[in-house]
Amino acid sequence: MDLEYMDIWCWLIPLAVGLICGFFGYLIGRGSNPTVDFNSEIKSLQQQNEKAKADLAKCEQKLAAGSSLNNLTAHPFNAAEAKKALGKAVKLNDLSLVEGIGPKIRSLFHNFEINTWKALSETSVAKCQEVLDSGGDRYKVHDPASWPMQAKMAAEGKWKDLAKWQDEHKHGKL
């Protein structure tokens, strides 16, 4: 074989093999793909979309109803009135105002995203106990049974009721 023809065959043989393999691959691939009915899949997705839109509308209605209820119960914070009733300066949403909660327990509640009197008033006693348990054994002596109630009085601005309750129930016990 002559070397000057070797260069052409080095290109022609792989090209011919590639074309033949591509042709057979096309024939095999074309036969294995059945036609898919996209119309039924589109209808199914449209139904799911309509259901999701209906669910979203229901959630928006509930949110609107809930936010209007929350706005009705909102009470402006009056530091002077709180100081007059409790006899000490009060900061807005300071959880340590609640009898039995100190700075360390307050930080435990903050770790659980309970930062306001309203949030604490909506927290169950069991959840309050869970927060205490997260701090370890040294918080087992605390009883959180009255904390949501006290926080509710603070959130609603019932300073005289809160002061009276705290005077009658030392150490936050019911």
Protein backbone atom coordinates (compact mmCIF):
# COMPACT_ATOMS: atom_id res chain seq x y z
CA MET A 1 0.00 0.00 0.00
CA ASP A 2 1.22 3.40 -0.90
CA LEU A 3 1.64 5.99 1.87
CA GLU A 4 0.13 8.82 -0.11
CA TYR A 5 -3.29 7.04 -0.23
CA MET A 6 -3.13 6.15 3.47
CA ASP A 7 -4.12 9.67 4.46
CA ILE A 8 -7.47 9.48 2.60
CA TRP A 9 -8.38 6.08 4.08
CA CYS A 10 -7.70 7.36 7.62
CA TRP A 11 -10.55 9.81 7.07
CA LEU A 12 -12.93 7.82 4.91
CA ILE A 13 -13.22 4.69 7.07
CA PRO A 14 -14.22 6.46 10.34
CA LEU A 15 -16.59 8.73 8.39
CA ALA A 16 -18.32 5.77 6.73
CA VAL A 17 -18.60 3.89 10.07
CA GLY A 18 -20.06 7.01 11.75
CA LEU A 19 -22.67 7.50 9.03
CA ILE A 20 -23.73 3.85 9.13
CA CYS A 21 -23.98 3.87 12.96
CA GLY A 22 -25.95 7.13 12.90
CA PHE A 23 -28.40 5.69 10.35
CA PHE A 24 -28.99 2.51 12.39
CA GLY A 25 -29.27 4.52 15.63
CA TYR A 26 -31.92 6.70 14.04
CA LEU A 27 -33.91 3.65 12.90
CA ILE A 28 -33.71 1.98 16.32
CA GLY A 29 -34.58 5.16 18.19
CA ARG A 30 -37.51 6.03 15.97
CA GLY A 31 -39.13 2.64 16.51
CA SER A 32 -38.83 2.64 20.33
CA ASN A 33 -40.57 5.98 21.07
CA PRO A 34 -44.34 5.57 21.06
CA THR A 35 -46.31 8.72 20.48
CA VAL A 36 -47.40 10.39 23.71
CA ASP A 37 -50.84 11.88 24.19
CA PHE A 38 -49.92 15.34 25.46
CA ASN A 39 -53.53 16.55 25.45
CA SER A 40 -54.51 14.39 28.43
CA GLU A 41 -51.40 15.48 30.33
CA ILE A 42 -52.17 19.14 29.60
CA LYS A 43 -55.75 18.72 30.84
CA SER A 44 -54.51 17.06 34.03
CA LEU A 45 -52.06 19.88 34.69
CA GLN A 46 -54.77 22.49 34.03
CA GLN A 47 -57.04 20.79 36.59
CA GLN A 48 -54.22 20.78 39.15
CA ASN A 49 -53.59 24.46 38.42
CA GLU A 50 -57.27 25.34 38.96
CA LYS A 51 -57.32 23.41 42.24
CA ALA A 52 -54.17 25.21 43.41
CA LYS A 53 -55.73 28.58 42.51
CA ALA A 54 -58.86 27.70 44.50
CA ASP A 55 -56.74 26.68 47.50
CA LEU A 56 -54.77 29.92 47.25
CA ALA A 57 -58.00 31.96 47.20
CA LYS A 58 -59.23 30.14 50.33
CA CYS A 59 -55.93 30.79 52.11
CA GLU A 60 -56.02 34.48 51.16
CA GLN A 61 -59.57 34.75 52.54
CA LYS A 62 -58.51 33.13 55.81
CA LEU A 63 -55.49 35.40 56.03
CA ALA A 64 -57.62 38.48 55.41
CA ALA A 65 -60.14 37.37 58.04
CA GLY A 66 -57.37 36.59 60.52
CA SER A 67 -55.53 39.86 59.99
CA SER A 68 -58.73 41.88 60.43
CA LEU A 69 -59.40 40.05 63.69
CA ASN A 70 -55.86 40.74 64.84
CA ASN A 71 -56.21 44.42 64.04
CA LEU A 72 -59.36 44.63 66.14
CA THR A 73 -57.57 43.29 69.23
CA ALA A 74 -54.41 45.35 68.84
CA HIS A 75 -53.79 47.72 71.73
CA PRO A 76 -51.29 50.54 71.59
CA PHE A 77 -48.47 50.33 74.09
CA ASN A 78 -48.57 53.06 76.73
CA ALA A 79 -45.35 53.03 78.74
CA ALA A 80 -46.51 55.72 81.18
CA GLU A 81 -49.69 53.83 82.03
CA ALA A 82 -47.73 50.61 82.48
CA LYS A 83 -45.21 52.31 84.75
CA LYS A 84 -48.02 53.85 86.81
CA ALA A 85 -49.79 50.51 87.31
CA LEU A 86 -46.73 48.28 87.83
CA GLY A 87 -44.47 50.76 89.59
CA LYS A 88 -41.53 50.15 87.26
CA ALA A 89 -40.45 51.08 83.76
CA VAL A 90 -41.77 48.70 81.12
CA LYS A 91 -40.30 48.12 77.67
CA LEU A 92 -42.50 47.04 74.80
CA ASN A 93 -42.65 43.22 74.46
CA ASP A 94 -40.16 42.61 77.28
CA LEU A 95 -40.97 39.02 78.26
CA SER A 96 -39.23 39.44 81.61
CA LEU A 97 -42.22 41.53 82.68
CA VAL A 98 -44.04 38.22 83.14
CA GLU A 99 -43.63 36.92 86.69
CA GLY A 100 -41.23 33.96 86.56
CA ILE A 101 -39.37 34.90 83.37
CA GLY A 102 -35.89 36.31 83.77
CA PRO A 103 -33.25 37.26 81.22
CA LYS A 104 -32.07 33.69 80.59
CA ILE A 105 -35.57 32.27 80.14
CA ARG A 106 -36.40 35.27 77.92
CA SER A 107 -33.45 34.33 75.69
CA LEU A 108 -34.72 30.73 75.53
CA PHE A 109 -38.08 32.02 74.26
CA HIS A 110 -36.31 34.24 71.73
CA ASN A 111 -34.51 31.12 70.43
CA PHE A 112 -37.97 29.66 69.70
CA GLU A 113 -39.05 32.86 67.87
CA ILE A 114 -41.36 33.88 70.73
CA ASN A 115 -40.40 37.54 71.01
CA THR A 116 -43.59 39.41 71.90
CA TRP A 117 -46.26 39.36 74.59
CA LYS A 118 -48.81 38.46 71.92
CA ALA A 119 -46.74 35.52 70.72
CA LEU A 120 -46.29 34.29 74.29
CA SER A 121 -50.01 34.69 75.00
CA GLU A 122 -50.78 32.46 72.01
CA THR A 123 -48.26 29.82 73.11
CA SER A 124 -49.56 26.75 74.91
CA VAL A 125 -48.30 25.84 78.37
CA ALA A 126 -46.88 22.62 76.90
CA LYS A 127 -44.84 24.64 74.38
CA CYS A 128 -43.62 26.90 77.21
CA GLN A 129 -42.52 23.79 79.09
CA GLU A 130 -40.74 22.57 75.95
CA VAL A 131 -38.87 25.88 75.78
CA LEU A 132 -37.83 25.49 79.42
CA ASP A 133 -36.76 21.88 78.86
CA SER A 134 -34.50 23.03 76.02
CA GLY A 135 -32.50 25.00 78.59
CA GLY A 136 -31.62 21.95 80.67
CA ASP A 137 -32.32 20.65 84.15
CA ARG A 138 -31.81 23.94 85.95
CA TYR A 139 -35.11 25.28 84.55
CA LYS A 140 -37.23 22.38 85.85
CA VAL A 141 -38.22 24.35 88.97
CA HIS A 142 -40.10 26.94 86.90
CA ASP A 143 -43.83 26.61 86.30
CA PRO A 144 -44.99 28.25 83.05
CA ALA A 145 -48.71 27.67 83.64
CA SER A 146 -49.53 31.37 84.11
CA TRP A 147 -47.12 32.87 81.59
CA PRO A 148 -49.48 32.94 78.57
CA MET A 149 -52.21 34.53 80.71
CA GLN A 150 -49.86 37.21 82.05
CA ALA A 151 -48.54 37.89 78.55
CA LYS A 152 -52.11 38.27 77.28
CA MET A 153 -52.84 40.90 79.93
CA ALA A 154 -49.67 42.76 78.92
CA ALA A 155 -50.46 42.50 75.21
CA GLU A 156 -53.96 43.87 75.79
CA GLY A 157 -52.67 46.71 77.96
CA LYS A 158 -54.46 45.52 81.11
CA TRP A 159 -51.72 46.82 83.40
CA LYS A 160 -53.83 47.14 86.54
CA ASP A 161 -55.11 43.57 86.20
CA LEU A 162 -51.57 42.32 85.62
CA ALA A 163 -50.22 44.21 88.65
CA LYS A 164 -53.06 42.90 90.82
CA TRP A 165 -52.52 39.33 89.66
CA GLN A 166 -48.77 39.49 90.22
CA ASP A 167 -49.27 40.92 93.72
CA GLU A 168 -51.70 38.12 94.62
CA HIS A 169 -49.62 35.32 93.09
CA LYS A 170 -46.00 35.72 94.01
CA HIS A 171 -43.53 33.69 91.90
CA GLY A 172 -46.06 33.33 89.09
CA LYS A 173 -47.92 30.35 90.51
CA LEU A 174 -51.65 29.94 89.92
